[in-house]
PDB file of all heavy atoms in Angstrom:
ATOM      1  N   LEU A   1      17.623  49.808 119.223  1.00  0.00           N
ATOM      2  CA  LEU A   1      17.363  49.882 117.786  1.00  0.00           C
ATOM      3  C   LEU A   1      18.475  49.213 116.986  1.00  0.00           C
ATOM      4  O   LEU A   1      18.215  48.403 116.084  1.00  0.00           O
ATOM      5  CB  LEU A   1      17.210  51.349 117.363  1.00  0.00           C
ATOM      6  CG  LEU A   1      15.968  52.080 117.887  1.00  0.00           C
ATOM      7  CD1 LEU A   1      16.080  53.573 117.611  1.00  0.00           C
ATOM      8  CD2 LEU A   1      14.713  51.520 117.253  1.00  0.00           C
ATOM      9  N   LEU A   2      19.711  49.538 117.304  1.00  0.00           N
ATOM     10  CA  LEU A   2      20.841  48.973 116.566  1.00  0.00           C
ATOM     11  C   LEU A   2      20.913  47.460 116.721  1.00  0.00           C
ATOM     12  O   LEU A   2      21.106  46.729 115.737  1.00  0.00           O
ATOM     13  CB  LEU A   2      22.145  49.613 117.057  1.00  0.00           C
ATOM     14  CG  LEU A   2      22.415  51.045 116.570  1.00  0.00           C
ATOM     15  CD1 LEU A   2      23.385  51.756 117.515  1.00  0.00           C
ATOM     16  CD2 LEU A   2      22.972  51.024 115.141  1.00  0.00           C
ATOM     17  N   SER A   3      20.739  46.969 117.935  1.00  0.00           N
ATOM     18  CA  SER A   3      20.906  45.539 118.189  1.00  0.00           C
ATOM     19  C   SER A   3      19.788  44.716 117.560  1.00  0.00           C
ATOM     20  O   SER A   3      20.046  43.686 116.919  1.00  0.00           O
ATOM     21  CB  SER A   3      20.965  45.282 119.700  1.00  0.00           C
ATOM     22  OG  SER A   3      22.106  45.904 120.263  1.00  0.00           O
ATOM     23  N   ILE A   4      18.559  45.139 117.730  1.00  0.00           N
ATOM     24  CA  ILE A   4      17.444  44.363 117.185  1.00  0.00           C
ATOM     25  C   ILE A   4      17.440  44.438 115.662  1.00  0.00           C
ATOM     26  O   ILE A   4      17.178  43.442 114.972  1.00  0.00           O
ATOM     27  CB  ILE A   4      16.105  44.856 117.764  1.00  0.00           C
ATOM     28  CG1 ILE A   4      16.110  44.713 119.299  1.00  0.00           C
ATOM     29  CG2 ILE A   4      14.950  44.075 117.175  1.00  0.00           C
ATOM     30  CD1 ILE A   4      16.359  43.306 119.807  1.00  0.00           C
ATOM     31  N   TYR A   5      17.759  45.601 115.107  1.00  0.00           N
ATOM     32  CA  TYR A   5      17.844  45.716 113.648  1.00  0.00           C
ATOM     33  C   TYR A   5      19.020  44.894 113.108  1.00  0.00           C
ATOM     34  O   TYR A   5      18.912  44.283 112.042  1.00  0.00           O
ATOM     35  CB  TYR A   5      17.976  47.177 113.237  1.00  0.00           C
ATOM     36  CG  TYR A   5      16.651  47.827 112.896  1.00  0.00           C
ATOM     37  CD1 TYR A   5      15.650  47.947 113.844  1.00  0.00           C
ATOM     38  CD2 TYR A   5      16.399  48.319 111.621  1.00  0.00           C
ATOM     39  CE1 TYR A   5      14.431  48.536 113.539  1.00  0.00           C
ATOM     40  CE2 TYR A   5      15.190  48.912 111.297  1.00  0.00           C
ATOM     41  CZ  TYR A   5      14.207  49.014 112.264  1.00  0.00           C
ATOM     42  OH  TYR A   5      12.996  49.589 111.955  1.00  0.00           O
ATOM     43  N   ALA A   6      20.141  44.896 113.816  1.00  0.00           N
ATOM     44  CA  ALA A   6      21.281  44.088 113.374  1.00  0.00           C
ATOM     45  C   ALA A   6      20.931  42.609 113.361  1.00  0.00           C
ATOM     46  O   ALA A   6      21.394  41.844 112.508  1.00  0.00           O
ATOM     47  CB  ALA A   6      22.478  44.339 114.290  1.00  0.00           C
ATOM     48  N   LYS A   7      20.072  42.224 114.282  1.00  0.00           N
ATOM     49  CA  LYS A   7      19.622  40.830 114.363  1.00  0.00           C
ATOM     50  C   LYS A   7      18.698  40.466 113.205  1.00  0.00           C
ATOM     51  O   LYS A   7      18.448  39.292 112.944  1.00  0.00           O
ATOM     52  CB  LYS A   7      18.905  40.629 115.700  1.00  0.00           C
ATOM     53  CG  LYS A   7      18.575  39.206 116.051  1.00  0.00           C
ATOM     54  CD  LYS A   7      17.808  39.163 117.367  1.00  0.00           C
ATOM     55  CE  LYS A   7      17.358  37.734 117.641  1.00  0.00           C
ATOM     56  NZ  LYS A   7      16.321  37.673 118.661  1.00  0.00           N
ATOM     57  N   GLY A   8      18.186  41.481 112.527  1.00  0.00           N
ATOM     58  CA  GLY A   8      17.335  41.239 111.367  1.00  0.00           C
ATOM     59  C   GLY A   8      15.856  41.374 111.629  1.00  0.00           C
ATOM     60  O   GLY A   8      15.042  41.109 110.738  1.00  0.00           O
ATOM     61  N   GLU A   9      15.458  41.799 112.822  1.00  0.00           N
ATOM     62  CA  GLU A   9      14.039  41.944 113.135  1.00  0.00           C
ATOM     63  C   GLU A   9      13.594  43.386 112.908  1.00  0.00           C
ATOM     64  O   GLU A   9      14.343  44.323 113.175  1.00  0.00           O
ATOM     65  CB  GLU A   9      13.758  41.509 114.575  1.00  0.00           C
ATOM     66  CG  GLU A   9      14.091  40.049 114.825  1.00  0.00           C
ATOM     67  CD  GLU A   9      13.554  39.550 116.159  1.00  0.00           C
ATOM     68  OE1 GLU A   9      12.512  40.058 116.600  1.00  0.00           O
ATOM     69  OE2 GLU A   9      14.196  38.662 116.750  1.00  0.00           O
ATOM     70  N   ARG A  10      12.350  43.519 112.428  1.00  0.00           N
ATOM     71  CA  ARG A  10      11.794  44.837 112.120  1.00  0.00           C
ATOM     72  C   ARG A  10      10.362  44.903 112.647  1.00  0.00           C
ATOM     73  O   ARG A  10       9.658  43.891 112.651  1.00  0.00           O
ATOM     74  CB  ARG A  10      11.766  45.099 110.603  1.00  0.00           C
ATOM     75  CG  ARG A  10      13.107  44.944 109.881  1.00  0.00           C
ATOM     76  CD  ARG A  10      14.031  46.097 110.186  1.00  0.00           C
ATOM     77  NE  ARG A  10      15.252  46.051 109.397  1.00  0.00           N
ATOM     78  CZ  ARG A  10      16.352  45.398 109.754  1.00  0.00           C
ATOM     79  NH1 ARG A  10      16.380  44.724 110.901  1.00  0.00           N
ATOM     80  NH2 ARG A  10      17.426  45.424 108.983  1.00  0.00           N
ATOM     81  N   PRO A  11       9.906  46.075 113.058  1.00  0.00           N
ATOM     82  CA  PRO A  11       8.481  46.198 113.381  1.00  0.00           C
ATOM     83  C   PRO A  11       7.659  46.108 112.105  1.00  0.00           C
ATOM     84  O   PRO A  11       8.059  46.633 111.062  1.00  0.00           O
ATOM     85  CB  PRO A  11       8.376  47.592 114.018  1.00  0.00           C
ATOM     86  CG  PRO A  11       9.547  48.350 113.489  1.00  0.00           C
ATOM     87  CD  PRO A  11      10.635  47.346 113.245  1.00  0.00           C
ATOM     88  N   SER A  12       6.518  45.433 112.179  1.00  0.00           N
ATOM     89  CA  SER A  12       5.677  45.304 110.989  1.00  0.00           C
ATOM     90  C   SER A  12       4.220  45.330 111.409  1.00  0.00           C
ATOM     91  O   SER A  12       3.809  44.577 112.290  1.00  0.00           O
ATOM     92  CB  SER A  12       5.979  43.991 110.251  1.00  0.00           C
ATOM     93  OG  SER A  12       5.749  42.882 111.100  1.00  0.00           O
ATOM     94  N   GLY A  13       3.439  46.194 110.772  1.00  0.00           N
ATOM     95  CA  GLY A  13       2.023  46.289 111.108  1.00  0.00           C
ATOM     96  C   GLY A  13       1.839  46.601 112.583  1.00  0.00           C
ATOM     97  O   GLY A  13       2.436  47.525 113.127  1.00  0.00           O
ATOM     98  N   SER A  14       1.030  45.788 113.242  1.00  0.00           N
ATOM     99  CA  SER A  14       0.802  45.980 114.680  1.00  0.00           C
ATOM    100  C   SER A  14       1.803  45.208 115.522  1.00  0.00           C
ATOM    101  O   SER A  14       1.763  45.268 116.751  1.00  0.00           O
ATOM    102  CB  SER A  14      -0.619  45.530 115.045  1.00  0.00           C
ATOM    103  OG  SER A  14      -0.784  44.147 114.741  1.00  0.00           O
ATOM    104  N   SER A  15       2.714  44.472 114.886  1.00  0.00           N
ATOM    105  CA  SER A  15       3.689  43.663 115.612  1.00  0.00           C
ATOM    106  C   SER A  15       4.974  44.456 115.850  1.00  0.00           C
ATOM    107  O   SER A  15       5.662  44.842 114.902  1.00  0.00           O
ATOM    108  CB  SER A  15       4.013  42.390 114.823  1.00  0.00           C
ATOM    109  OG  SER A  15       5.022  41.634 115.466  1.00  0.00           O
ATOM    110  N   ASP A  16       5.246  44.706 117.107  1.00  0.00           N
ATOM    111  CA  ASP A  16       6.470  45.425 117.485  1.00  0.00           C
ATOM    112  C   ASP A  16       6.879  44.960 118.885  1.00  0.00           C
ATOM    113  O   ASP A  16       6.804  45.708 119.856  1.00  0.00           O
ATOM    114  CB  ASP A  16       6.224  46.938 117.457  1.00  0.00           C
ATOM    115  CG  ASP A  16       7.501  47.750 117.647  1.00  0.00           C
ATOM    116  OD1 ASP A  16       8.593  47.144 117.691  1.00  0.00           O
ATOM    117  OD2 ASP A  16       7.407  48.986 117.776  1.00  0.00           O
ATOM    118  N   PRO A  17       7.298  43.685 118.994  1.00  0.00           N
ATOM    119  CA  PRO A  17       7.522  43.100 120.328  1.00  0.00           C
ATOM    120  C   PRO A  17       8.602  43.782 121.147  1.00  0.00           C
ATOM    121  O   PRO A  17       8.575  43.720 122.383  1.00  0.00           O
ATOM    122  CB  PRO A  17       7.898  41.645 120.016  1.00  0.00           C
ATOM    123  CG  PRO A  17       8.347  41.654 118.590  1.00  0.00           C
ATOM    124  CD  PRO A  17       7.557  42.720 117.919  1.00  0.00           C
ATOM    125  N   TYR A  18       9.551  44.427 120.507  1.00  0.00           N
ATOM    126  CA  TYR A  18      10.614  45.117 121.237  1.00  0.00           C
ATOM    127  C   TYR A  18      10.325  46.613 121.412  1.00  0.00           C
ATOM    128  O   TYR A  18      11.192  47.352 121.883  1.00  0.00           O
ATOM    129  CB  TYR A  18      11.955  44.935 120.527  1.00  0.00           C
ATOM    130  CG  TYR A  18      12.486  43.519 120.578  1.00  0.00           C
ATOM    131  CD1 TYR A  18      12.316  42.653 119.494  1.00  0.00           C
ATOM    132  CD2 TYR A  18      13.146  43.034 121.701  1.00  0.00           C
ATOM    133  CE1 TYR A  18      12.800  41.356 119.528  1.00  0.00           C
ATOM    134  CE2 TYR A  18      13.637  41.738 121.747  1.00  0.00           C
ATOM    135  CZ  TYR A  18      13.455  40.904 120.656  1.00  0.00           C
ATOM    136  OH  TYR A  18      13.936  39.617 120.698  1.00  0.00           O
ATOM    137  N   ALA A  19       9.137  47.046 121.018  1.00  0.00           N
ATOM    138  CA  ALA A  19       8.740  48.459 121.133  1.00  0.00           C
ATOM    139  C   ALA A  19       9.764  49.371 120.462  1.00  0.00           C
ATOM    140  O   ALA A  19      10.189  50.388 121.012  1.00  0.00           O
ATOM    141  CB  ALA A  19       8.545  48.851 122.592  1.00  0.00           C
ATOM    142  N   LEU A  20      10.153  49.005 119.228  1.00  0.00           N
ATOM    143  CA  LEU A  20      11.161  49.779 118.503  1.00  0.00           C
ATOM    144  C   LEU A  20      10.615  51.138 118.070  1.00  0.00           C
ATOM    145  O   LEU A  20      11.353  52.129 118.067  1.00  0.00           O
ATOM    146  CB  LEU A  20      11.646  48.986 117.288  1.00  0.00           C
ATOM    147  CG  LEU A  20      12.291  47.627 117.608  1.00  0.00           C
ATOM    148  CD1 LEU A  20      12.648  46.885 116.324  1.00  0.00           C
ATOM    149  CD2 LEU A  20      13.525  47.803 118.477  1.00  0.00           C
ATOM    150  N   ARG A  21       9.345  51.181 117.698  1.00  0.00           N
ATOM    151  CA  ARG A  21       8.766  52.479 117.319  1.00  0.00           C
ATOM    152  C   ARG A  21       8.770  53.422 118.522  1.00  0.00           C
ATOM    153  O   ARG A  21       9.062  54.613 118.390  1.00  0.00           O
ATOM    154  CB  ARG A  21       7.344  52.288 116.791  1.00  0.00           C
ATOM    155  CG  ARG A  21       7.241  51.470 115.509  1.00  0.00           C
ATOM    156  CD  ARG A  21       5.822  51.505 114.973  1.00  0.00           C
ATOM    157  NE  ARG A  21       5.644  50.665 113.797  1.00  0.00           N
ATOM    158  CZ  ARG A  21       5.089  49.456 113.814  1.00  0.00           C
ATOM    159  NH1 ARG A  21       4.662  48.950 114.962  1.00  0.00           N
ATOM    160  NH2 ARG A  21       4.946  48.761 112.706  1.00  0.00           N
ATOM    161  N   ARG A  22       8.428  52.886 119.676  1.00  0.00           N
ATOM    162  CA  ARG A  22       8.433  53.713 120.882  1.00  0.00           C
ATOM    163  C   ARG A  22       9.841  54.194 121.194  1.00  0.00           C
ATOM    164  O   ARG A  22      10.045  55.326 121.636  1.00  0.00           O
ATOM    165  CB  ARG A  22       7.859  52.913 122.058  1.00  0.00           C
ATOM    166  CG  ARG A  22       7.664  53.747 123.320  1.00  0.00           C
ATOM    167  CD  ARG A  22       6.910  52.951 124.354  1.00  0.00           C
ATOM    168  NE  ARG A  22       7.676  51.820 124.838  1.00  0.00           N
ATOM    169  CZ  ARG A  22       7.171  50.821 125.559  1.00  0.00           C
ATOM    170  NH1 ARG A  22       5.882  50.800 125.836  1.00  0.00           N
ATOM    171  NH2 ARG A  22       7.929  49.842 125.984  1.00  0.00           N
ATOM    172  N   ALA A  23      10.839  53.324 120.963  1.00  0.00           N
ATOM    173  CA  ALA A  23      12.224  53.728 121.183  1.00  0.00           C
ATOM    174  C   ALA A  23      12.605  54.863 120.238  1.00  0.00           C
ATOM    175  O   ALA A  23      13.271  55.834 120.641  1.00  0.00           O
ATOM    176  CB  ALA A  23      13.160  52.535 120.995  1.00  0.00           C
ATOM    177  N   GLY A  24      12.189  54.767 118.971  1.00  0.00           N
ATOM    178  CA  GLY A  24      12.474  55.839 118.029  1.00  0.00           C
ATOM    179  C   GLY A  24      11.819  57.146 118.437  1.00  0.00           C
ATOM    180  O   GLY A  24      12.433  58.218 118.369  1.00  0.00           O
ATOM    181  N   ASN A  25      10.563  57.054 118.877  1.00  0.00           N
ATOM    182  CA  ASN A  25       9.888  58.255 119.378  1.00  0.00           C
ATOM    183  C   ASN A  25      10.649  58.861 120.545  1.00  0.00           C
ATOM    184  O   ASN A  25      10.783  60.084 120.658  1.00  0.00           O
ATOM    185  CB  ASN A  25       8.465  57.915 119.824  1.00  0.00           C
ATOM    186  CG  ASN A  25       7.526  57.688 118.657  1.00  0.00           C
ATOM    187  OD1 ASN A  25       7.835  58.035 117.529  1.00  0.00           O
ATOM    188  ND2 ASN A  25       6.386  57.087 118.923  1.00  0.00           N
ATOM    189  N   GLY A  26      11.125  57.996 121.438  1.00  0.00           N
ATOM    190  CA  GLY A  26      11.850  58.478 122.610  1.00  0.00           C
ATOM    191  C   GLY A  26      13.105  59.245 122.230  1.00  0.00           C
ATOM    192  O   GLY A  26      13.405  60.298 122.810  1.00  0.00           O
ATOM    193  N   VAL A  27      13.853  58.744 121.259  1.00  0.00           N
ATOM    194  CA  VAL A  27      15.060  59.437 120.794  1.00  0.00           C
ATOM    195  C   VAL A  27      14.713  60.852 120.340  1.00  0.00           C
ATOM    196  O   VAL A  27      15.360  61.841 120.730  1.00  0.00           O
ATOM    197  CB  VAL A  27      15.732  58.650 119.646  1.00  0.00           C
ATOM    198  CG1 VAL A  27      16.819  59.488 118.982  1.00  0.00           C
ATOM    199  CG2 VAL A  27      16.325  57.340 120.175  1.00  0.00           C
ATOM    200  N   LEU A  28      13.686  60.964 119.528  1.00  0.00           N
ATOM    201  CA  LEU A  28      13.311  62.275 118.981  1.00  0.00           C
ATOM    202  C   LEU A  28      12.797  63.218 120.065  1.00  0.00           C
ATOM    203  O   LEU A  28      13.181  64.397 120.115  1.00  0.00           O
ATOM    204  CB  LEU A  28      12.244  62.092 117.899  1.00  0.00           C
ATOM    205  CG  LEU A  28      12.689  61.285 116.680  1.00  0.00           C
ATOM    206  CD1 LEU A  28      11.511  60.938 115.802  1.00  0.00           C
ATOM    207  CD2 LEU A  28      13.743  62.050 115.891  1.00  0.00           C
ATOM    208  N   LEU A  29      11.926  62.699 120.924  1.00  0.00           N
ATOM    209  CA  LEU A  29      11.345  63.555 121.964  1.00  0.00           C
ATOM    210  C   LEU A  29      12.421  64.091 122.900  1.00  0.00           C
ATOM    211  O   LEU A  29      12.371  65.253 123.323  1.00  0.00           O
ATOM    212  CB  LEU A  29      10.293  62.768 122.753  1.00  0.00           C
ATOM    213  CG  LEU A  29       8.998  62.458 121.992  1.00  0.00           C
ATOM    214  CD1 LEU A  29       8.140  61.488 122.788  1.00  0.00           C
ATOM    215  CD2 LEU A  29       8.226  63.738 121.706  1.00  0.00           C
ATOM    216  N   ILE A  30      13.399  63.258 123.233  1.00  0.00           N
ATOM    217  CA  ILE A  30      14.475  63.704 124.129  1.00  0.00           C
ATOM    218  C   ILE A  30      15.306  64.786 123.452  1.00  0.00           C
ATOM    219  O   ILE A  30      15.614  65.826 124.052  1.00  0.00           O
ATOM    220  CB  ILE A  30      15.349  62.504 124.546  1.00  0.00           C
ATOM    221  CG1 ILE A  30      14.553  61.569 125.463  1.00  0.00           C
ATOM    222  CG2 ILE A  30      16.612  62.981 125.263  1.00  0.00           C
ATOM    223  CD1 ILE A  30      15.211  60.220 125.697  1.00  0.00           C
ATOM    224  N   LEU A  31      15.686  64.557 122.201  1.00  0.00           N
ATOM    225  CA  LEU A  31      16.484  65.564 121.486  1.00  0.00           C
ATOM    226  C   LEU A  31      15.717  66.874 121.354  1.00  0.00           C
ATOM    227  O   LEU A  31      16.270  67.960 121.555  1.00  0.00           O
ATOM    228  CB  LEU A  31      16.876  65.038 120.106  1.00  0.00           C
ATOM    229  CG  LEU A  31      17.903  63.903 120.077  1.00  0.00           C
ATOM    230  CD1 LEU A  31      18.107  63.403 118.658  1.00  0.00           C
ATOM    231  CD2 LEU A  31      19.235  64.348 120.677  1.00  0.00           C
ATOM    232  N   TRP A  32      14.449  66.793 121.015  1.00  0.00           N
ATOM    233  CA  TRP A  32      13.642  68.005 120.860  1.00  0.00           C
ATOM    234  C   TRP A  32      13.510  68.746 122.186  1.00  0.00           C
ATOM    235  O   TRP A  32      13.617  69.969 122.235  1.00  0.00           O
ATOM    236  CB  TRP A  32      12.259  67.647 120.313  1.00  0.00           C
ATOM    237  CG  TRP A  32      12.274  67.231 118.870  1.00  0.00           C
ATOM    238  CD1 TRP A  32      13.281  67.425 117.973  1.00  0.00           C
ATOM    239  CD2 TRP A  32      11.232  66.561 118.154  1.00  0.00           C
ATOM    240  NE1 TRP A  32      12.945  66.914 116.749  1.00  0.00           N
ATOM    241  CE2 TRP A  32      11.689  66.383 116.817  1.00  0.00           C
ATOM    242  CE3 TRP A  32       9.974  66.091 118.496  1.00  0.00           C
ATOM    243  CZ2 TRP A  32      10.904  65.753 115.842  1.00  0.00           C
ATOM    244  CZ3 TRP A  32       9.200  65.470 117.523  1.00  0.00           C
ATOM    245  CH2 TRP A  32       9.658  65.301 116.218  1.00  0.00           C
ATOM    246  N   GLU A  33      13.263  67.994 123.250  1.00  0.00           N
ATOM    247  CA  GLU A  33      13.050  68.647 124.546  1.00  0.00           C
ATOM    248  C   GLU A  33      14.340  69.259 125.080  1.00  0.00           C
ATOM    249  O   GLU A  33      14.330  70.352 125.648  1.00  0.00           O
ATOM    250  CB  GLU A  33      12.481  67.627 125.537  1.00  0.00           C
ATOM    251  CG  GLU A  33      11.870  68.217 126.787  1.00  0.00           C
ATOM    252  CD  GLU A  33      12.891  68.460 127.885  1.00  0.00           C
ATOM    253  OE1 GLU A  33      13.952  67.810 127.851  1.00  0.00           O
ATOM    254  OE2 GLU A  33      12.623  69.290 128.786  1.00  0.00           O
ATOM    255  N   ARG A  34      15.485  68.586 124.881  1.00  0.00           N
ATOM    256  CA  ARG A  34      16.763  69.110 125.377  1.00  0.00           C
ATOM    257  C   ARG A  34      17.324  70.197 124.455  1.00  0.00           C
ATOM    258  O   ARG A  34      18.214  70.948 124.864  1.00  0.00           O
ATOM    259  CB  ARG A  34      17.815  68.001 125.500  1.00  0.00           C
ATOM    260  CG  ARG A  34      17.477  66.808 126.359  1.00  0.00           C
ATOM    261  CD  ARG A  34      17.001  67.144 127.745  1.00  0.00           C
ATOM    262  NE  ARG A  34      18.023  67.749 128.584  1.00  0.00           N
ATOM    263  CZ  ARG A  34      17.794  68.171 129.833  1.00  0.00           C
ATOM    264  NH1 ARG A  34      16.585  68.073 130.347  1.00  0.00           N
ATOM    265  NH2 ARG A  34      18.747  68.707 130.544  1.00  0.00           N
ATOM    266  N   GLY A  35      16.839  70.241 123.212  1.00  0.00           N
ATOM    267  CA  GLY A  35      17.375  71.220 122.266  1.00  0.00           C
ATOM    268  C   GLY A  35      18.764  70.861 121.771  1.00  0.00           C
ATOM    269  O   GLY A  35      19.527  71.742 121.362  1.00  0.00           O
TER     270      GLY A  35
END
């Protein structure tokens, strides 16, 4: 997330070539599951 955003790329509409939304979901799911 940090590297691709620093590069200036963002997910838009259905375009998310680096699966950044999935990465964000992963961060949250891991924190929630581990408590």
